[in-house]
Amino acid sequence: MAKSPNVPAKDKAMIIAGLAYFILPIDVVPDFIPVAGYSDDLAVLIFIIGKVAYSIDEDSKNKAKEALKKWFGEDVDVSKLDALL
């Protein structure tokens, strides 16, 4: 989605900021704390998906499906992706 010309710049910025949050070593809740350490990462992911979901077009969905099959093999079930997005 961050590469799509159909996605607003605001949504692209949110996607990139969310990815940066996952990559940067500074978290609200440190990742080494069992269970709670990843809760803030999950919250950021859910928040961003909720905010940019309306911008997800069929082209983006198809590219995501292709990437999942490339990364995890042709046997991966991508049929539920449409229901999630």
PDB file of N, CA and C in Angstrom:
ATOM      1  N   MET A   1       0.809  -1.192   0.000  1.00  0.00           N
ATOM      2  CA  MET A   1       0.000   0.000   0.000  1.00  0.00           C
ATOM      3  C   MET A   1       0.851   1.255   0.000  1.00  0.00           C
ATOM      4  N   ALA A   2       1.987   1.187   0.650  1.00  0.00           N
ATOM      5  CA  ALA A   2       2.841   2.375   0.722  1.00  0.00           C
ATOM      6  C   ALA A   2       3.372   2.775  -0.649  1.00  0.00           C
ATOM      7  N   LYS A   3       3.362   1.864  -1.597  1.00  0.00           N
ATOM      8  CA  LYS A   3       3.844   2.163  -2.941  1.00  0.00           C
ATOM      9  C   LYS A   3       2.729   2.548  -3.903  1.00  0.00           C
ATOM     10  N   SER A   4       1.491   2.314  -3.531  1.00  0.00           N
ATOM     11  CA  SER A   4       0.354   2.551  -4.414  1.00  0.00           C
ATOM     12  C   SER A   4       0.085   4.040  -4.584  1.00  0.00           C
ATOM     13  N   PRO A   5      -0.113   4.492  -5.828  1.00  0.00           N
ATOM     14  CA  PRO A   5      -0.436   5.907  -6.055  1.00  0.00           C
ATOM     15  C   PRO A   5      -1.860   6.254  -5.613  1.00  0.00           C
ATOM     16  N   ASN A   6      -2.692   5.246  -5.360  1.00  0.00           N
ATOM     17  CA  ASN A   6      -4.080   5.482  -4.975  1.00  0.00           C
ATOM     18  C   ASN A   6      -4.268   5.692  -3.471  1.00  0.00           C
ATOM     19  N   VAL A   7      -3.215   5.490  -2.698  1.00  0.00           N
ATOM     20  CA  VAL A   7      -3.298   5.611  -1.242  1.00  0.00           C
ATOM     21  C   VAL A   7      -2.888   7.032  -0.839  1.00  0.00           C
ATOM     22  N   PRO A   8      -3.707   7.695  -0.010  1.00  0.00           N
ATOM     23  CA  PRO A   8      -3.369   9.059   0.426  1.00  0.00           C
ATOM     24  C   PRO A   8      -2.036   9.114   1.182  1.00  0.00           C
ATOM     25  N   ALA A   9      -1.363  10.239   1.065  1.00  0.00           N
ATOM     26  CA  ALA A   9      -0.051  10.424   1.705  1.00  0.00           C
ATOM     27  C   ALA A   9      -0.138  10.234   3.220  1.00  0.00           C
ATOM     28  N   LYS A  10      -1.238  10.657   3.826  1.00  0.00           N
ATOM     29  CA  LYS A  10      -1.423  10.506   5.276  1.00  0.00           C
ATOM     30  C   LYS A  10      -1.389   9.025   5.666  1.00  0.00           C
ATOM     31  N   ASP A  11      -2.064   8.191   4.881  1.00  0.00           N
ATOM     32  CA  ASP A  11      -2.086   6.753   5.170  1.00  0.00           C
ATOM     33  C   ASP A  11      -0.714   6.125   4.952  1.00  0.00           C
ATOM     34  N   LYS A  12      -0.019   6.563   3.911  1.00  0.00           N
ATOM     35  CA  LYS A  12       1.332   6.059   3.665  1.00  0.00           C
ATOM     36  C   LYS A  12       2.251   6.405   4.843  1.00  0.00           C
ATOM     37  N   ALA A  13       2.107   7.621   5.354  1.00  0.00           N
ATOM     38  CA  ALA A  13       2.927   8.047   6.492  1.00  0.00           C
ATOM     39  C   ALA A  13       2.629   7.191   7.718  1.00  0.00           C
ATOM     40  N   MET A  14       1.356   6.847   7.937  1.00  0.00           N
ATOM     41  CA  MET A  14       0.991   6.007   9.077  1.00  0.00           C
ATOM     42  C   MET A  14       1.589   4.610   8.935  1.00  0.00           C
ATOM     43  N   ILE A  15       1.548   4.072   7.731  1.00  0.00           N
ATOM     44  CA  ILE A  15       2.112   2.739   7.481  1.00  0.00           C
ATOM     45  C   ILE A  15       3.609   2.749   7.758  1.00  0.00           C
ATOM     46  N   ILE A  16       4.305   3.736   7.240  1.00  0.00           N
ATOM     47  CA  ILE A  16       5.751   3.832   7.422  1.00  0.00           C
ATOM     48  C   ILE A  16       6.097   4.056   8.896  1.00  0.00           C
ATOM     49  N   ALA A  17       5.314   4.881   9.586  1.00  0.00           N
ATOM     50  CA  ALA A  17       5.557   5.117  11.016  1.00  0.00           C
ATOM     51  C   ALA A  17       5.340   3.831  11.817  1.00  0.00           C
ATOM     52  N   GLY A  18       4.324   3.066  11.454  1.00  0.00           N
ATOM     53  CA  GLY A  18       4.080   1.796  12.143  1.00  0.00           C
ATOM     54  C   GLY A  18       5.214   0.814  11.935  1.00  0.00           C
ATOM     55  N   LEU A  19       5.711   0.730  10.713  1.00  0.00           N
ATOM     56  CA  LEU A  19       6.845  -0.146  10.432  1.00  0.00           C
ATOM     57  C   LEU A  19       8.080   0.301  11.207  1.00  0.00           C
ATOM     58  N   ALA A  20       8.279   1.606  11.278  1.00  0.00           N
ATOM     59  CA  ALA A  20       9.426   2.127  12.040  1.00  0.00           C
ATOM     60  C   ALA A  20       9.299   1.776  13.515  1.00  0.00           C
ATOM     61  N   TYR A  21       8.085   1.801  14.045  1.00  0.00           N
ATOM     62  CA  TYR A  21       7.872   1.460  15.448  1.00  0.00           C
ATOM     63  C   TYR A  21       8.287   0.015  15.724  1.00  0.00           C
ATOM     64  N   PHE A  22       7.997  -0.885  14.775  1.00  0.00           N
ATOM     65  CA  PHE A  22       8.382  -2.287  14.948  1.00  0.00           C
ATOM     66  C   PHE A  22       9.895  -2.465  14.875  1.00  0.00           C
ATOM     67  N   ILE A  23      10.549  -1.689  14.040  1.00  0.00           N
ATOM     68  CA  ILE A  23      11.985  -1.848  13.804  1.00  0.00           C
ATOM     69  C   ILE A  23      12.829  -1.193  14.898  1.00  0.00           C
ATOM     70  N   LEU A  24      12.417  -0.022  15.358  1.00  0.00           N
ATOM     71  CA  LEU A  24      13.201   0.707  16.346  1.00  0.00           C
ATOM     72  C   LEU A  24      13.241  -0.050  17.679  1.00  0.00           C
ATOM     73  N   PRO A  25      14.362  -0.001  18.360  1.00  0.00           N
ATOM     74  CA  PRO A  25      14.494  -0.749  19.620  1.00  0.00           C
ATOM     75  C   PRO A  25      13.755  -0.112  20.794  1.00  0.00           C
ATOM     76  N   ILE A  26      13.261   1.112  20.623  1.00  0.00           N
ATOM     77  CA  ILE A  26      12.569   1.797  21.711  1.00  0.00           C
ATOM     78  C   ILE A  26      11.069   1.507  21.600  1.00  0.00           C
ATOM     79  N   ASP A  27      10.495   0.920  22.652  1.00  0.00           N
ATOM     80  CA  ASP A  27       9.076   0.603  22.704  1.00  0.00           C
ATOM     81  C   ASP A  27       8.473   1.208  23.959  1.00  0.00           C
ATOM     82  N   VAL A  28       7.162   1.358  23.954  1.00  0.00           N
ATOM     83  CA  VAL A  28       6.465   1.787  25.164  1.00  0.00           C
ATOM     84  C   VAL A  28       6.608   0.701  26.220  1.00  0.00           C
ATOM     85  N   VAL A  29       6.406  -0.555  25.799  1.00  0.00           N
ATOM     86  CA  VAL A  29       6.596  -1.712  26.674  1.00  0.00           C
ATOM     87  C   VAL A  29       7.722  -2.540  26.056  1.00  0.00           C
ATOM     88  N   PRO A  30       8.851  -2.705  26.729  1.00  0.00           N
ATOM     89  CA  PRO A  30       9.976  -3.456  26.154  1.00  0.00           C
ATOM     90  C   PRO A  30       9.575  -4.880  25.750  1.00  0.00           C
ATOM     91  N   ASP A  31      10.078  -5.321  24.599  1.00  0.00           N
ATOM     92  CA  ASP A  31       9.698  -6.622  24.043  1.00  0.00           C
ATOM     93  C   ASP A  31      10.174  -7.810  24.881  1.00  0.00           C
ATOM     94  N   PHE A  32      11.163  -7.613  25.736  1.00  0.00           N
ATOM     95  CA  PHE A  32      11.658  -8.753  26.516  1.00  0.00           C
ATOM     96  C   PHE A  32      10.713  -9.138  27.664  1.00  0.00           C
ATOM     97  N   ILE A  33       9.706  -8.313  27.944  1.00  0.00           N
ATOM     98  CA  ILE A  33       8.721  -8.652  28.977  1.00  0.00           C
ATOM     99  C   ILE A  33       7.739  -9.663  28.379  1.00  0.00           C
ATOM    100  N   PRO A  34       7.621 -10.841  28.981  1.00  0.00           N
ATOM    101  CA  PRO A  34       6.738 -11.878  28.419  1.00  0.00           C
ATOM    102  C   PRO A  34       5.307 -11.380  28.207  1.00  0.00           C
ATOM    103  N   VAL A  35       4.733 -11.713  27.086  1.00  0.00           N
ATOM    104  CA  VAL A  35       3.373 -11.396  26.645  1.00  0.00           C
ATOM    105  C   VAL A  35       3.149  -9.892  26.513  1.00  0.00           C
ATOM    106  N   ALA A  36       3.309  -9.145  27.577  1.00  0.00           N
ATOM    107  CA  ALA A  36       3.050  -7.704  27.544  1.00  0.00           C
ATOM    108  C   ALA A  36       4.006  -6.972  26.609  1.00  0.00           C
ATOM    109  N   GLY A  37       5.176  -7.524  26.386  1.00  0.00           N
ATOM    110  CA  GLY A  37       6.175  -6.870  25.553  1.00  0.00           C
ATOM    111  C   GLY A  37       5.738  -6.665  24.119  1.00  0.00           C
ATOM    112  N   TYR A  38       4.903  -7.551  23.628  1.00  0.00           N
ATOM    113  CA  TYR A  38       4.435  -7.425  22.252  1.00  0.00           C
ATOM    114  C   TYR A  38       3.042  -6.825  22.162  1.00  0.00           C
ATOM    115  N   SER A  39       2.430  -6.533  23.293  1.00  0.00           N
ATOM    116  CA  SER A  39       1.073  -5.993  23.277  1.00  0.00           C
ATOM    117  C   SER A  39       1.024  -4.600  22.643  1.00  0.00           C
ATOM    118  N   ASP A  40       2.024  -3.776  22.900  1.00  0.00           N
ATOM    119  CA  ASP A  40       2.027  -2.450  22.293  1.00  0.00           C
ATOM    120  C   ASP A  40       2.240  -2.544  20.780  1.00  0.00           C
ATOM    121  N   ASP A  41       3.058  -3.505  20.340  1.00  0.00           N
ATOM    122  CA  ASP A  41       3.250  -3.701  18.898  1.00  0.00           C
ATOM    123  C   ASP A  41       1.937  -4.112  18.234  1.00  0.00           C
ATOM    124  N   LEU A  42       1.210  -5.016  18.873  1.00  0.00           N
ATOM    125  CA  LEU A  42      -0.080  -5.455  18.359  1.00  0.00           C
ATOM    126  C   LEU A  42      -1.077  -4.299  18.333  1.00  0.00           C
ATOM    127  N   ALA A  43      -1.070  -3.483  19.360  1.00  0.00           N
ATOM    128  CA  ALA A  43      -1.977  -2.332  19.412  1.00  0.00           C
ATOM    129  C   ALA A  43      -1.698  -1.360  18.273  1.00  0.00           C
ATOM    130  N   VAL A  44      -0.425  -1.102  17.998  1.00  0.00           N
ATOM    131  CA  VAL A  44      -0.058  -0.214  16.893  1.00  0.00           C
ATOM    132  C   VAL A  44      -0.524  -0.814  15.564  1.00  0.00           C
ATOM    133  N   LEU A  45      -0.302  -2.107  15.380  1.00  0.00           N
ATOM    134  CA  LEU A  45      -0.717  -2.780  14.149  1.00  0.00           C
ATOM    135  C   LEU A  45      -2.229  -2.682  13.954  1.00  0.00           C
ATOM    136  N   ILE A  46      -2.993  -2.983  14.973  1.00  0.00           N
ATOM    137  CA  ILE A  46      -4.457  -2.922  14.874  1.00  0.00           C
ATOM    138  C   ILE A  46      -4.926  -1.497  14.609  1.00  0.00           C
ATOM    139  N   PHE A  47      -4.322  -0.538  15.280  1.00  0.00           N
ATOM    140  CA  PHE A  47      -4.694   0.862  15.083  1.00  0.00           C
ATOM    141  C   PHE A  47      -4.455   1.300  13.637  1.00  0.00           C
ATOM    142  N   ILE A  48      -3.282   0.981  13.103  1.00  0.00           N
ATOM    143  CA  ILE A  48      -2.955   1.415  11.743  1.00  0.00           C
ATOM    144  C   ILE A  48      -3.835   0.714  10.715  1.00  0.00           C
ATOM    145  N   ILE A  49      -4.054  -0.568  10.861  1.00  0.00           N
ATOM    146  CA  ILE A  49      -4.930  -1.271   9.922  1.00  0.00           C
ATOM    147  C   ILE A  49      -6.333  -0.670   9.965  1.00  0.00           C
ATOM    148  N   GLY A  50      -6.809  -0.367  11.162  1.00  0.00           N
ATOM    149  CA  GLY A  50      -8.124   0.256  11.289  1.00  0.00           C
ATOM    150  C   GLY A  50      -8.205   1.604  10.606  1.00  0.00           C
ATOM    151  N   LYS A  51      -7.137   2.377  10.683  1.00  0.00           N
ATOM    152  CA  LYS A  51      -7.125   3.711  10.080  1.00  0.00           C
ATOM    153  C   LYS A  51      -6.984   3.686   8.558  1.00  0.00           C
ATOM    154  N   VAL A  52      -6.243   2.728   8.010  1.00  0.00           N
ATOM    155  CA  VAL A  52      -5.989   2.724   6.567  1.00  0.00           C
ATOM    156  C   VAL A  52      -6.814   1.687   5.807  1.00  0.00           C
ATOM    157  N   ALA A  53      -7.669   0.963   6.492  1.00  0.00           N
ATOM    158  CA  ALA A  53      -8.429  -0.124   5.854  1.00  0.00           C
ATOM    159  C   ALA A  53      -9.256   0.362   4.675  1.00  0.00           C
ATOM    160  N   TYR A  54      -9.811   1.557   4.758  1.00  0.00           N
ATOM    161  CA  TYR A  54     -10.632   2.067   3.663  1.00  0.00           C
ATOM    162  C   TYR A  54      -9.818   2.335   2.400  1.00  0.00           C
ATOM    163  N   SER A  55      -8.507   2.442   2.510  1.00  0.00           N
ATOM    164  CA  SER A  55      -7.643   2.705   1.355  1.00  0.00           C
ATOM    165  C   SER A  55      -7.178   1.426   0.659  1.00  0.00           C
ATOM    166  N   ILE A  56      -7.487   0.268   1.238  1.00  0.00           N
ATOM    167  CA  ILE A  56      -7.019  -0.991   0.662  1.00  0.00           C
ATOM    168  C   ILE A  56      -7.873  -1.331  -0.550  1.00  0.00           C
ATOM    169  N   ASP A  57      -7.264  -1.290  -1.732  1.00  0.00           N
ATOM    170  CA  ASP A  57      -7.987  -1.615  -2.966  1.00  0.00           C
ATOM    171  C   ASP A  57      -7.672  -3.049  -3.399  1.00  0.00           C
ATOM    172  N   GLU A  58      -8.330  -3.483  -4.444  1.00  0.00           N
ATOM    173  CA  GLU A  58      -8.147  -4.863  -4.924  1.00  0.00           C
ATOM    174  C   GLU A  58      -6.711  -5.124  -5.367  1.00  0.00           C
ATOM    175  N   ASP A  59      -6.067  -4.134  -5.962  1.00  0.00           N
ATOM    176  CA  ASP A  59      -4.683  -4.301  -6.399  1.00  0.00           C
ATOM    177  C   ASP A  59      -3.768  -4.569  -5.209  1.00  0.00           C
ATOM    178  N   SER A  60      -3.963  -3.821  -4.123  1.00  0.00           N
ATOM    179  CA  SER A  60      -3.161  -4.028  -2.917  1.00  0.00           C
ATOM    180  C   SER A  60      -3.417  -5.407  -2.319  1.00  0.00           C
ATOM    181  N   LYS A  61      -4.685  -5.833  -2.300  1.00  0.00           N
ATOM    182  CA  LYS A  61      -5.022  -7.164  -1.781  1.00  0.00           C
ATOM    183  C   LYS A  61      -4.351  -8.253  -2.607  1.00  0.00           C
ATOM    184  N   ASN A  62      -4.398  -8.103  -3.932  1.00  0.00           N
ATOM    185  CA  ASN A  62      -3.787  -9.114  -4.804  1.00  0.00           C
ATOM    186  C   ASN A  62      -2.275  -9.174  -4.625  1.00  0.00           C
ATOM    187  N   LYS A  63      -1.645  -8.021  -4.471  1.00  0.00           N
ATOM    188  CA  LYS A  63      -0.198  -8.001  -4.238  1.00  0.00           C
ATOM    189  C   LYS A  63       0.154  -8.641  -2.899  1.00  0.00           C
ATOM    190  N   ALA A  64      -0.684  -8.415  -1.882  1.00  0.00           N
ATOM    191  CA  ALA A  64      -0.448  -9.037  -0.575  1.00  0.00           C
ATOM    192  C   ALA A  64      -0.576 -10.553  -0.680  1.00  0.00           C
ATOM    193  N   LYS A  65      -1.570 -11.021  -1.420  1.00  0.00           N
ATOM    194  CA  LYS A  65      -1.756 -12.463  -1.602  1.00  0.00           C
ATOM    195  C   LYS A  65      -0.557 -13.079  -2.319  1.00  0.00           C
ATOM    196  N   GLU A  66      -0.068 -12.396  -3.359  1.00  0.00           N
ATOM    197  CA  GLU A  66       1.101 -12.894  -4.089  1.00  0.00           C
ATOM    198  C   GLU A  66       2.322 -12.959  -3.177  1.00  0.00           C
ATOM    199  N   ALA A  67       2.503 -11.933  -2.350  1.00  0.00           N
ATOM    200  CA  ALA A  67       3.655 -11.901  -1.439  1.00  0.00           C
ATOM    201  C   ALA A  67       3.562 -13.029  -0.417  1.00  0.00           C
ATOM    202  N   LEU A  68       2.364 -13.258   0.129  1.00  0.00           N
ATOM    203  CA  LEU A  68       2.195 -14.351   1.099  1.00  0.00           C
ATOM    204  C   LEU A  68       2.529 -15.700   0.475  1.00  0.00           C
ATOM    205  N   LYS A  69       2.076 -15.911  -0.763  1.00  0.00           N
ATOM    206  CA  LYS A  69       2.366 -17.172  -1.443  1.00  0.00           C
ATOM    207  C   LYS A  69       3.857 -17.304  -1.739  1.00  0.00           C
ATOM    208  N   LYS A  70       4.493 -16.197  -2.082  1.00  0.00           N
ATOM    209  CA  LYS A  70       5.935 -16.224  -2.361  1.00  0.00           C
ATOM    210  C   LYS A  70       6.720 -16.545  -1.090  1.00  0.00           C
ATOM    211  N   TRP A  71       6.340 -15.927   0.020  1.00  0.00           N
ATOM    212  CA  TRP A  71       7.062 -16.101   1.281  1.00  0.00           C
ATOM    213  C   TRP A  71       6.786 -17.446   1.942  1.00  0.00           C
ATOM    214  N   PHE A  72       5.522 -17.902   1.884  1.00  0.00           N
ATOM    215  CA  PHE A  72       5.123 -19.084   2.650  1.00  0.00           C
ATOM    216  C   PHE A  72       4.757 -20.284   1.794  1.00  0.00           C
ATOM    217  N   GLY A  73       4.854 -20.149   0.472  1.00  0.00           N
ATOM    218  CA  GLY A  73       4.560 -21.260  -0.420  1.00  0.00           C
ATOM    219  C   GLY A  73       3.149 -21.199  -0.973  1.00  0.00           C
ATOM    220  N   GLU A  74       2.949 -21.920  -2.044  1.00  0.00           N
ATOM    221  CA  GLU A  74       1.664 -21.905  -2.742  1.00  0.00           C
ATOM    222  C   GLU A  74       0.533 -22.517  -1.916  1.00  0.00           C
ATOM    223  N   ASP A  75       0.869 -23.295  -0.887  1.00  0.00           N
ATOM    224  CA  ASP A  75      -0.156 -23.963  -0.087  1.00  0.00           C
ATOM    225  C   ASP A  75      -0.829 -23.036   0.926  1.00  0.00           C
ATOM    226  N   VAL A  76      -0.322 -21.831   1.103  1.00  0.00           N
ATOM    227  CA  VAL A  76      -0.898 -20.920   2.086  1.00  0.00           C
ATOM    228  C   VAL A  76      -2.318 -20.530   1.663  1.00  0.00           C
ATOM    229  N   ASP A  77      -3.240 -20.497   2.627  1.00  0.00           N
ATOM    230  CA  ASP A  77      -4.644 -20.182   2.361  1.00  0.00           C
ATOM    231  C   ASP A  77      -4.833 -18.665   2.460  1.00  0.00           C
ATOM    232  N   VAL A  78      -4.988 -18.013   1.308  1.00  0.00           N
ATOM    233  CA  VAL A  78      -5.180 -16.557   1.286  1.00  0.00           C
ATOM    234  C   VAL A  78      -6.648 -16.182   1.113  1.00  0.00           C
ATOM    235  N   SER A  79      -7.530 -17.179   1.122  1.00  0.00           N
ATOM    236  CA  SER A  79      -8.949 -16.916   0.888  1.00  0.00           C
ATOM    237  C   SER A  79      -9.571 -16.061   2.000  1.00  0.00           C
ATOM    238  N   LYS A  80      -9.040 -16.105   3.197  1.00  0.00           N
ATOM    239  CA  LYS A  80      -9.600 -15.360   4.307  1.00  0.00           C
ATOM    240  C   LYS A  80      -9.128 -13.903   4.336  1.00  0.00           C
ATOM    241  N   LEU A  81      -8.161 -13.564   3.511  1.00  0.00           N
ATOM    242  CA  LEU A  81      -7.639 -12.205   3.479  1.00  0.00           C
ATOM    243  C   LEU A  81      -8.719 -11.210   3.085  1.00  0.00           C
ATOM    244  N   ASP A  82      -9.562 -11.577   2.136  1.00  0.00           N
ATOM    245  CA  ASP A  82     -10.631 -10.665   1.708  1.00  0.00           C
ATOM    246  C   ASP A  82     -11.591 -10.366   2.844  1.00  0.00           C
ATOM    247  N   ALA A  83     -11.888 -11.348   3.669  1.00  0.00           N
ATOM    248  CA  ALA A  83     -12.804 -11.139   4.794  1.00  0.00           C
ATOM    249  C   ALA A  83     -12.188 -10.235   5.855  1.00  0.00           C
ATOM    250  N   LEU A  84     -10.872 -10.305   6.024  1.00  0.00           N
ATOM    251  CA  LEU A  84     -10.208  -9.485   7.030  1.00  0.00           C
ATOM    252  C   LEU A  84     -10.108  -8.031   6.610  1.00  0.00           C
ATOM    253  N   LEU A  85      -9.938  -7.824   5.324  1.00  0.00           N
ATOM    254  CA  LEU A  85      -9.749  -6.464   4.835  1.00  0.00           C
ATOM    255  C   LEU A  85     -10.957  -6.067   4.064  1.00  0.00           C
TER     256      LEU A  85
END
